[in-house]
Amino acid sequence: RRTRWRVEIKENNGDMICSKVVPGSGKVFRLEAVLEASVDDLYDLLFVRVEEMPRWNPSVQHIKVLKQVGPDTVVTHEVSAGTAGNLIGQRDFLSVRHSCRQKSGVYLGGAAIHLDSFPPQTGFVRAEDGPTCIIIKPLDATKSSFTWLLNMDVKGWLPKSIVNQALPRAQLDFTQHLRRHFSLR
């Protein structure tokens, strides 16, 4: 039996977040937004220049490409920023990220990875993302449809109700930071 997506948040600007429980993965959040940026610009910012993310996204303290696995695949270490309103608290992530460019758009996928050479860092809870996916499709030369499927285990002793409030809020914040970045260019 297929489960339908449940609307979680509808913003006045048209952004919408839905969720559904996927067997074996848990709750998945789907953000849909329209961004005033080209597919190429979004791909460049979110994949090619991923290490620059802390410059425009205050939710990220640090992100480093640890290994270039191939032209379209990287392993990254990311540390979320500690902020006063952050219900979840500071986390670190070790992820493999892959990009796929096609005529129809760009697909960015990611998932947690475990490396003996890079154990969880002292002072952080190692969260696990994924699988997660961003789909960017052109609407015109300067506007794109942006869909983000987010699945994350934040680890620690947090009630699911808190996590299920915080993750969609983080998606909306991320989208707001993206918009601000592109409006300042």
C-alpha atoms as a PDB file:
ATOM      1  CA  ARG A   1       0.000   0.000   0.000  1.00  0.00           C
ATOM      2  CA  ARG A   2       1.389   3.398  -0.977  1.00  0.00           C
ATOM      3  CA  THR A   3       1.355   6.161   1.561  1.00  0.00           C
ATOM      4  CA  ARG A   4       0.642   9.690   0.469  1.00  0.00           C
ATOM      5  CA  TRP A   5       2.791  12.678   1.313  1.00  0.00           C
ATOM      6  CA  ARG A   6       1.393  14.705   4.217  1.00  0.00           C
ATOM      7  CA  VAL A   7       1.667  18.508   4.068  1.00  0.00           C
ATOM      8  CA  GLU A   8       3.722  19.747   7.026  1.00  0.00           C
ATOM      9  CA  ILE A   9       4.311  23.422   6.161  1.00  0.00           C
ATOM     10  CA  LYS A  10       3.056  25.779   3.441  1.00  0.00           C
ATOM     11  CA  GLU A  11       4.789  29.145   3.290  1.00  0.00           C
ATOM     12  CA  ASN A  12       3.305  32.327   1.786  1.00  0.00           C
ATOM     13  CA  ASN A  13       6.080  32.380  -0.848  1.00  0.00           C
ATOM     14  CA  GLY A  14       4.965  28.978  -2.183  1.00  0.00           C
ATOM     15  CA  ASP A  15       7.569  26.820  -0.427  1.00  0.00           C
ATOM     16  CA  MET A  16       6.033  23.598   0.786  1.00  0.00           C
ATOM     17  CA  ILE A  17       7.269  20.746   2.938  1.00  0.00           C
ATOM     18  CA  CYS A  18       5.562  17.372   2.967  1.00  0.00           C
ATOM     19  CA  SER A  19       6.514  14.188   4.766  1.00  0.00           C
ATOM     20  CA  LYS A  20       5.935  10.475   4.677  1.00  0.00           C
ATOM     21  CA  VAL A  21       7.265   7.475   6.518  1.00  0.00           C
ATOM     22  CA  VAL A  22       9.329   5.197   4.292  1.00  0.00           C
ATOM     23  CA  PRO A  23       9.787   1.637   5.581  1.00  0.00           C
ATOM     24  CA  GLY A  24      13.426   1.046   6.482  1.00  0.00           C
ATOM     25  CA  SER A  25      14.294   4.750   6.316  1.00  0.00           C
ATOM     26  CA  GLY A  26      11.908   6.473   8.699  1.00  0.00           C
ATOM     27  CA  LYS A  27      10.391   9.893   8.107  1.00  0.00           C
ATOM     28  CA  VAL A  28      11.387  11.661   4.895  1.00  0.00           C
ATOM     29  CA  PHE A  29      10.741  15.370   4.355  1.00  0.00           C
ATOM     30  CA  ARG A  30      10.238  16.810   0.860  1.00  0.00           C
ATOM     31  CA  LEU A  31      10.768  20.521   0.327  1.00  0.00           C
ATOM     32  CA  GLU A  32       9.540  22.072  -2.919  1.00  0.00           C
ATOM     33  CA  ALA A  33      10.541  25.630  -3.796  1.00  0.00           C
ATOM     34  CA  VAL A  34      11.190  27.916  -6.742  1.00  0.00           C
ATOM     35  CA  LEU A  35      14.538  29.730  -6.643  1.00  0.00           C
ATOM     36  CA  GLU A  36      15.680  32.761  -8.619  1.00  0.00           C
ATOM     37  CA  ALA A  37      18.857  31.027  -9.777  1.00  0.00           C
ATOM     38  CA  SER A  38      19.878  28.939 -12.751  1.00  0.00           C
ATOM     39  CA  VAL A  39      20.442  25.200 -12.515  1.00  0.00           C
ATOM     40  CA  ASP A  40      24.147  25.768 -13.263  1.00  0.00           C
ATOM     41  CA  ASP A  41      24.521  28.376 -10.511  1.00  0.00           C
ATOM     42  CA  LEU A  42      22.826  26.122  -7.954  1.00  0.00           C
ATOM     43  CA  TYR A  43      24.928  23.120  -8.993  1.00  0.00           C
ATOM     44  CA  ASP A  44      28.101  25.210  -8.731  1.00  0.00           C
ATOM     45  CA  LEU A  45      27.202  26.528  -5.278  1.00  0.00           C
ATOM     46  CA  LEU A  46      25.885  23.278  -3.782  1.00  0.00           C
ATOM     47  CA  PHE A  47      28.369  20.787  -5.238  1.00  0.00           C
ATOM     48  CA  VAL A  48      31.424  22.347  -6.903  1.00  0.00           C
ATOM     49  CA  ARG A  49      31.961  25.015  -4.213  1.00  0.00           C
ATOM     50  CA  VAL A  50      30.436  23.080  -1.312  1.00  0.00           C
ATOM     51  CA  GLU A  51      33.302  24.123   1.010  1.00  0.00           C
ATOM     52  CA  GLU A  52      32.120  27.746   0.715  1.00  0.00           C
ATOM     53  CA  MET A  53      28.747  26.913   2.283  1.00  0.00           C
ATOM     54  CA  PRO A  54      29.562  28.464   5.704  1.00  0.00           C
ATOM     55  CA  ARG A  55      30.010  31.851   3.950  1.00  0.00           C
ATOM     56  CA  TRP A  56      26.325  32.020   2.991  1.00  0.00           C
ATOM     57  CA  ASN A  57      24.678  29.491   5.314  1.00  0.00           C
ATOM     58  CA  PRO A  58      25.047  30.396   9.007  1.00  0.00           C
ATOM     59  CA  SER A  59      23.674  26.954   9.958  1.00  0.00           C
ATOM     60  CA  VAL A  60      26.949  25.392   8.794  1.00  0.00           C
ATOM     61  CA  GLN A  61      30.125  26.077  10.771  1.00  0.00           C
ATOM     62  CA  HIS A  62      32.496  24.055   8.609  1.00  0.00           C
ATOM     63  CA  ILE A  63      32.474  21.777   5.567  1.00  0.00           C
ATOM     64  CA  LYS A  64      35.527  20.139   4.045  1.00  0.00           C
ATOM     65  CA  VAL A  65      35.972  17.815   1.086  1.00  0.00           C
ATOM     66  CA  LEU A  66      38.055  14.972   2.518  1.00  0.00           C
ATOM     67  CA  LYS A  67      38.335  12.965  -0.673  1.00  0.00           C
ATOM     68  CA  GLN A  68      37.494  13.406  -4.341  1.00  0.00           C
ATOM     69  CA  VAL A  69      36.330   9.886  -5.279  1.00  0.00           C
ATOM     70  CA  GLY A  70      35.689  10.800  -8.911  1.00  0.00           C
ATOM     71  CA  PRO A  71      34.604  13.802 -10.968  1.00  0.00           C
ATOM     72  CA  ASP A  72      31.066  13.565  -9.580  1.00  0.00           C
ATOM     73  CA  THR A  73      31.603  12.055  -6.115  1.00  0.00           C
ATOM     74  CA  VAL A  74      33.160  13.484  -2.950  1.00  0.00           C
ATOM     75  CA  VAL A  75      33.421  12.565   0.716  1.00  0.00           C
ATOM     76  CA  THR A  76      32.779  15.510   3.046  1.00  0.00           C
ATOM     77  CA  HIS A  77      32.938  16.310   6.742  1.00  0.00           C
ATOM     78  CA  GLU A  78      30.425  18.906   7.903  1.00  0.00           C
ATOM     79  CA  VAL A  79      29.857  20.565  11.272  1.00  0.00           C
ATOM     80  CA  SER A  80      26.588  22.333  11.989  1.00  0.00           C
ATOM     81  CA  ALA A  81      26.731  25.690  13.732  1.00  0.00           C
ATOM     82  CA  GLY A  82      25.757  25.971  17.366  1.00  0.00           C
ATOM     83  CA  THR A  83      22.906  28.477  17.434  1.00  0.00           C
ATOM     84  CA  ALA A  84      20.661  29.667  20.251  1.00  0.00           C
ATOM     85  CA  GLY A  85      17.425  28.560  18.576  1.00  0.00           C
ATOM     86  CA  ASN A  86      18.763  25.219  17.388  1.00  0.00           C
ATOM     87  CA  LEU A  87      16.629  22.550  19.078  1.00  0.00           C
ATOM     88  CA  ILE A  88      18.900  19.717  17.982  1.00  0.00           C
ATOM     89  CA  GLY A  89      22.301  21.122  18.924  1.00  0.00           C
ATOM     90  CA  GLN A  90      25.609  20.947  17.127  1.00  0.00           C
ATOM     91  CA  ARG A  91      26.276  17.819  15.050  1.00  0.00           C
ATOM     92  CA  ASP A  92      28.955  16.586  12.702  1.00  0.00           C
ATOM     93  CA  PHE A  93      28.370  14.544   9.551  1.00  0.00           C
ATOM     94  CA  LEU A  94      30.544  12.353   7.374  1.00  0.00           C
ATOM     95  CA  SER A  95      28.895  11.947   3.974  1.00  0.00           C
ATOM     96  CA  VAL A  96      29.431  10.760   0.445  1.00  0.00           C
ATOM     97  CA  ARG A  97      27.914  13.170  -2.095  1.00  0.00           C
ATOM     98  CA  HIS A  98      27.285  12.420  -5.748  1.00  0.00           C
ATOM     99  CA  SER A  99      26.080  14.632  -8.582  1.00  0.00           C
ATOM    100  CA  CYS A 100      24.444  13.677 -11.845  1.00  0.00           C
ATOM    101  CA  ARG A 101      23.854  16.250 -14.585  1.00  0.00           C
ATOM    102  CA  GLN A 102      21.266  15.481 -17.243  1.00  0.00           C
ATOM    103  CA  LYS A 103      19.338  17.506 -19.810  1.00  0.00           C
ATOM    104  CA  SER A 104      16.335  17.532 -17.487  1.00  0.00           C
ATOM    105  CA  GLY A 105      18.299  18.971 -14.559  1.00  0.00           C
ATOM    106  CA  VAL A 106      20.782  18.178 -11.824  1.00  0.00           C
ATOM    107  CA  TYR A 107      20.504  15.494  -9.172  1.00  0.00           C
ATOM    108  CA  LEU A 108      22.573  15.721  -5.990  1.00  0.00           C
ATOM    109  CA  GLY A 109      22.506  12.682  -3.724  1.00  0.00           C
ATOM    110  CA  GLY A 110      24.114  11.969  -0.414  1.00  0.00           C
ATOM    111  CA  ALA A 111      24.301   9.514   2.442  1.00  0.00           C
ATOM    112  CA  ALA A 112      26.238   8.941   5.631  1.00  0.00           C
ATOM    113  CA  ILE A 113      29.504   7.062   5.350  1.00  0.00           C
ATOM    114  CA  HIS A 114      31.718   5.470   7.995  1.00  0.00           C
ATOM    115  CA  LEU A 115      35.498   5.767   7.767  1.00  0.00           C
ATOM    116  CA  ASP A 116      37.832   4.252  10.352  1.00  0.00           C
ATOM    117  CA  SER A 117      40.316   6.990   9.436  1.00  0.00           C
ATOM    118  CA  PHE A 118      37.784   9.691  10.428  1.00  0.00           C
ATOM    119  CA  PRO A 119      35.946   8.660  13.612  1.00  0.00           C
ATOM    120  CA  PRO A 120      33.323  10.865  15.315  1.00  0.00           C
ATOM    121  CA  GLN A 121      34.919  14.085  16.535  1.00  0.00           C
ATOM    122  CA  THR A 122      35.247  14.867  20.240  1.00  0.00           C
ATOM    123  CA  GLY A 123      32.503  17.167  21.474  1.00  0.00           C
ATOM    124  CA  PHE A 124      30.037  16.351  18.681  1.00  0.00           C
ATOM    125  CA  VAL A 125      27.278  13.858  18.117  1.00  0.00           C
ATOM    126  CA  ARG A 126      27.804  12.192  14.715  1.00  0.00           C
ATOM    127  CA  ALA A 127      24.479  12.455  12.891  1.00  0.00           C
ATOM    128  CA  GLU A 128      23.728  10.387   9.802  1.00  0.00           C
ATOM    129  CA  ASP A 129      22.061  11.814   6.739  1.00  0.00           C
ATOM    130  CA  GLY A 130      20.479   9.936   3.948  1.00  0.00           C
ATOM    131  CA  PRO A 131      19.745   8.858   1.758  1.00  0.00           C
ATOM    132  CA  THR A 132      19.033  12.423   0.743  1.00  0.00           C
ATOM    133  CA  CYS A 133      18.534  13.975  -2.689  1.00  0.00           C
ATOM    134  CA  ILE A 134      18.223  17.423  -4.251  1.00  0.00           C
ATOM    135  CA  ILE A 135      16.622  17.749  -7.677  1.00  0.00           C
ATOM    136  CA  ILE A 136      17.134  21.027  -9.547  1.00  0.00           C
ATOM    137  CA  LYS A 137      15.188  21.582 -12.768  1.00  0.00           C
ATOM    138  CA  PRO A 138      15.109  24.672 -14.970  1.00  0.00           C
ATOM    139  CA  LEU A 139      11.935  26.740 -15.151  1.00  0.00           C
ATOM    140  CA  ASP A 140      13.660  29.335 -17.339  1.00  0.00           C
ATOM    141  CA  ALA A 141      17.210  30.701 -17.744  1.00  0.00           C
ATOM    142  CA  THR A 142      17.283  32.308 -14.286  1.00  0.00           C
ATOM    143  CA  LYS A 143      14.722  30.337 -12.278  1.00  0.00           C
ATOM    144  CA  SER A 144      14.763  26.759 -11.015  1.00  0.00           C
ATOM    145  CA  SER A 145      12.500  24.277  -9.335  1.00  0.00           C
ATOM    146  CA  PHE A 146      14.235  22.963  -6.200  1.00  0.00           C
ATOM    147  CA  THR A 147      13.123  19.703  -4.570  1.00  0.00           C
ATOM    148  CA  TRP A 148      14.945  18.357  -1.522  1.00  0.00           C
ATOM    149  CA  LEU A 149      14.278  14.965   0.007  1.00  0.00           C
ATOM    150  CA  LEU A 150      15.750  14.902   3.515  1.00  0.00           C
ATOM    151  CA  ASN A 151      16.139  11.840   5.689  1.00  0.00           C
ATOM    152  CA  MET A 152      18.312  12.131   8.774  1.00  0.00           C
ATOM    153  CA  ASP A 153      19.075  10.365  12.015  1.00  0.00           C
ATOM    154  CA  VAL A 154      20.322  13.111  14.334  1.00  0.00           C
ATOM    155  CA  LYS A 155      21.325  10.537  16.987  1.00  0.00           C
ATOM    156  CA  GLY A 156      21.301  11.392  20.664  1.00  0.00           C
ATOM    157  CA  TRP A 157      18.395  11.341  23.102  1.00  0.00           C
ATOM    158  CA  LEU A 158      15.956  13.647  21.348  1.00  0.00           C
ATOM    159  CA  PRO A 159      12.210  13.041  21.154  1.00  0.00           C
ATOM    160  CA  LYS A 160      11.012  12.368  17.597  1.00  0.00           C
ATOM    161  CA  SER A 161       8.497  15.209  17.955  1.00  0.00           C
ATOM    162  CA  ILE A 162      11.373  17.702  18.400  1.00  0.00           C
ATOM    163  CA  VAL A 163      13.346  16.250  15.476  1.00  0.00           C
ATOM    164  CA  ASN A 164      10.246  16.255  13.257  1.00  0.00           C
ATOM    165  CA  GLN A 165       9.756  19.972  13.982  1.00  0.00           C
ATOM    166  CA  ALA A 166      13.409  20.905  13.571  1.00  0.00           C
ATOM    167  CA  LEU A 167      14.235  19.157  10.273  1.00  0.00           C
ATOM    168  CA  PRO A 168      11.599  20.877   8.096  1.00  0.00           C
ATOM    169  CA  ARG A 169      12.481  24.188   9.767  1.00  0.00           C
ATOM    170  CA  ALA A 170      16.130  23.576   8.821  1.00  0.00           C
ATOM    171  CA  GLN A 171      15.061  22.978   5.206  1.00  0.00           C
ATOM    172  CA  LEU A 172      13.167  26.280   5.126  1.00  0.00           C
ATOM    173  CA  ASP A 173      16.115  28.102   6.725  1.00  0.00           C
ATOM    174  CA  PHE A 174      18.514  26.591   4.157  1.00  0.00           C
ATOM    175  CA  THR A 175      16.260  27.743   1.314  1.00  0.00           C
ATOM    176  CA  GLN A 176      16.043  31.227   2.825  1.00  0.00           C
ATOM    177  CA  HIS A 177      19.866  31.393   3.028  1.00  0.00           C
ATOM    178  CA  LEU A 178      20.103  30.273  -0.623  1.00  0.00           C
ATOM    179  CA  ARG A 179      17.679  33.005  -1.679  1.00  0.00           C
ATOM    180  CA  ARG A 180      19.582  35.634   0.300  1.00  0.00           C
ATOM    181  CA  HIS A 181      22.872  34.528  -1.276  1.00  0.00           C
ATOM    182  CA  PHE A 182      21.526  34.809  -4.816  1.00  0.00           C
ATOM    183  CA  SER A 183      19.785  38.133  -4.132  1.00  0.00           C
ATOM    184  CA  LEU A 184      23.110  39.689  -3.056  1.00  0.00           C
ATOM    185  CA  ARG A 185      24.948  38.828  -6.267  1.00  0.00           C
END
